[in-house]
Amino acid sequence: MNDAFQALSDPTRRDILRLLREREMTAGEIADQFTLAKSTLSGHFNVLKNAGLIVAEKTGTTITYSMNLSIVEETVDTLMEIFDVGQLKQPRRAKANKPQIVGDPPR
């Protein structure tokens, strides 16, 4: 899980995940969306792969990346749990009024 959080700490890697949210893409298609050197993007791909957030499939000389939804969902679930988002909260119970006994001072 720490690897996933580390991977998500970089804006370029978050942008790569946003692209892959729509569809799987080749390394070249992703590279076309950035002004970074291919070696720099390759480093980002490796961090995302090592964190398990993306999966790479090599066909010949082409690498196609897709999002690993199970790890992404697990990471999101952990974040939601940490920040108590989306949890069903128990409603606060109203204090029950005790019946007033004759002779008690008014409340």
Protein backbone atom coordinates (compact mmCIF):
# COMPACT_ATOMS: atom_id res chain seq x y z
CA MET A 1 0.00 0.00 0.00
CA ASN A 2 2.89 2.37 0.73
CA ASP A 3 4.12 1.91 -2.85
CA ALA A 4 0.70 2.95 -4.15
CA PHE A 5 0.68 6.11 -2.03
CA GLN A 6 4.23 6.90 -3.13
CA ALA A 7 3.22 6.43 -6.77
CA LEU A 8 0.21 8.70 -6.36
CA SER A 9 2.33 11.47 -4.83
CA ASP A 10 3.57 12.58 -8.26
CA PRO A 11 1.28 14.67 -10.52
CA THR A 12 2.63 13.09 -13.72
CA ARG A 13 1.77 9.61 -12.47
CA ARG A 14 -1.70 10.79 -11.47
CA ASP A 15 -2.12 12.19 -15.00
CA ILE A 16 -1.07 8.82 -16.48
CA LEU A 17 -3.73 7.11 -14.35
CA ARG A 18 -6.33 9.64 -15.52
CA LEU A 19 -5.51 8.74 -19.13
CA LEU A 20 -5.73 5.02 -18.39
CA ARG A 21 -9.04 5.50 -16.61
CA GLU A 22 -10.61 6.04 -20.02
CA ARG A 23 -8.97 3.13 -21.87
CA GLU A 24 -5.79 1.10 -22.17
CA MET A 25 -3.06 2.87 -24.09
CA THR A 26 0.32 2.11 -25.61
CA ALA A 27 3.43 3.73 -24.18
CA GLY A 28 3.64 5.88 -27.32
CA GLU A 29 0.05 7.09 -26.99
CA ILE A 30 0.71 8.09 -23.40
CA ALA A 31 4.03 9.73 -24.31
CA ASP A 32 2.23 11.86 -26.92
CA GLN A 33 0.29 13.51 -24.06
CA PHE A 34 3.43 14.74 -22.27
CA THR A 35 6.43 16.92 -23.04
CA LEU A 36 8.72 14.70 -20.97
CA ALA A 37 11.54 12.54 -22.27
CA LYS A 38 10.56 8.93 -22.92
CA SER A 39 13.15 7.78 -20.37
CA THR A 40 11.47 9.96 -17.72
CA LEU A 41 8.06 8.52 -18.59
CA SER A 42 9.51 5.03 -18.48
CA GLY A 43 10.58 5.73 -14.90
CA HIS A 44 7.02 6.81 -14.06
CA PHE A 45 5.63 3.65 -15.68
CA ASN A 46 8.00 1.54 -13.56
CA VAL A 47 6.89 3.22 -10.34
CA LEU A 48 3.23 2.68 -11.24
CA LYS A 49 3.90 -0.97 -12.20
CA ASN A 50 5.88 -1.66 -9.02
CA ALA A 51 2.99 -0.22 -7.00
CA GLY A 52 0.61 -2.53 -8.86
CA LEU A 53 -1.49 0.39 -10.13
CA ILE A 54 -0.94 -0.42 -13.81
CA VAL A 55 -0.33 -3.57 -15.82
CA ALA A 56 1.96 -3.71 -18.86
CA GLU A 57 1.37 -6.12 -21.73
CA LYS A 58 4.11 -6.45 -24.33
CA THR A 59 3.21 -7.45 -27.88
CA GLY A 60 6.27 -7.45 -30.11
CA THR A 61 7.88 -4.07 -29.53
CA THR A 62 4.70 -2.39 -28.30
CA ILE A 63 3.86 -2.08 -24.60
CA THR A 64 0.22 -1.50 -23.74
CA TYR A 65 -0.68 -0.21 -20.29
CA SER A 66 -3.94 -0.60 -18.45
CA MET A 67 -5.10 0.31 -14.99
CA ASN A 68 -5.13 -2.46 -12.38
CA LEU A 69 -8.56 -1.70 -10.97
CA SER A 70 -8.35 -4.05 -7.99
CA ILE A 71 -5.30 -2.25 -6.56
CA VAL A 72 -6.72 1.17 -7.41
CA GLU A 73 -9.98 0.28 -5.65
CA GLU A 74 -8.08 -1.04 -2.61
CA THR A 75 -6.07 2.19 -2.45
CA VAL A 76 -9.20 4.34 -2.72
CA ASP A 77 -10.94 2.25 -0.04
CA THR A 78 -7.98 2.77 2.29
CA LEU A 79 -8.01 6.52 1.70
CA MET A 80 -11.75 6.66 2.34
CA GLU A 81 -11.29 4.71 5.55
CA ILE A 82 -8.45 6.96 6.73
CA PHE A 83 -10.52 10.09 6.17
CA ASP A 84 -13.81 8.50 7.27
CA VAL A 85 -15.43 9.22 3.91
CA GLY A 86 -18.44 7.24 2.81
CA GLN A 87 -18.77 5.39 6.09
CA LEU A 88 -22.25 4.94 7.42
CA LYS A 89 -22.34 6.81 10.67
CA GLN A 90 -24.66 5.91 13.48
CA PRO A 91 -27.12 8.73 14.07
CA ARG A 92 -26.82 10.43 17.41
CA ARG A 93 -29.61 9.43 19.69
CA ALA A 94 -31.60 12.18 21.28
CA LYS A 95 -31.46 12.18 25.02
CA ALA A 96 -34.60 10.66 26.35
CA ASN A 97 -36.54 12.99 28.56
CA LYS A 98 -37.05 11.43 31.91
CA PRO A 99 -40.61 11.78 33.11
CA GLN A 100 -40.92 14.59 35.57
CA ILE A 101 -41.81 13.48 39.03
CA VAL A 102 -44.22 15.59 41.00
CA GLY A 103 -42.23 17.77 43.34
CA ASP A 104 -39.10 17.87 41.11
CA PRO A 105 -37.99 21.33 40.05
CA PRO A 106 -38.90 22.10 36.39
CA ARG A 107 -36.17 21.43 33.79
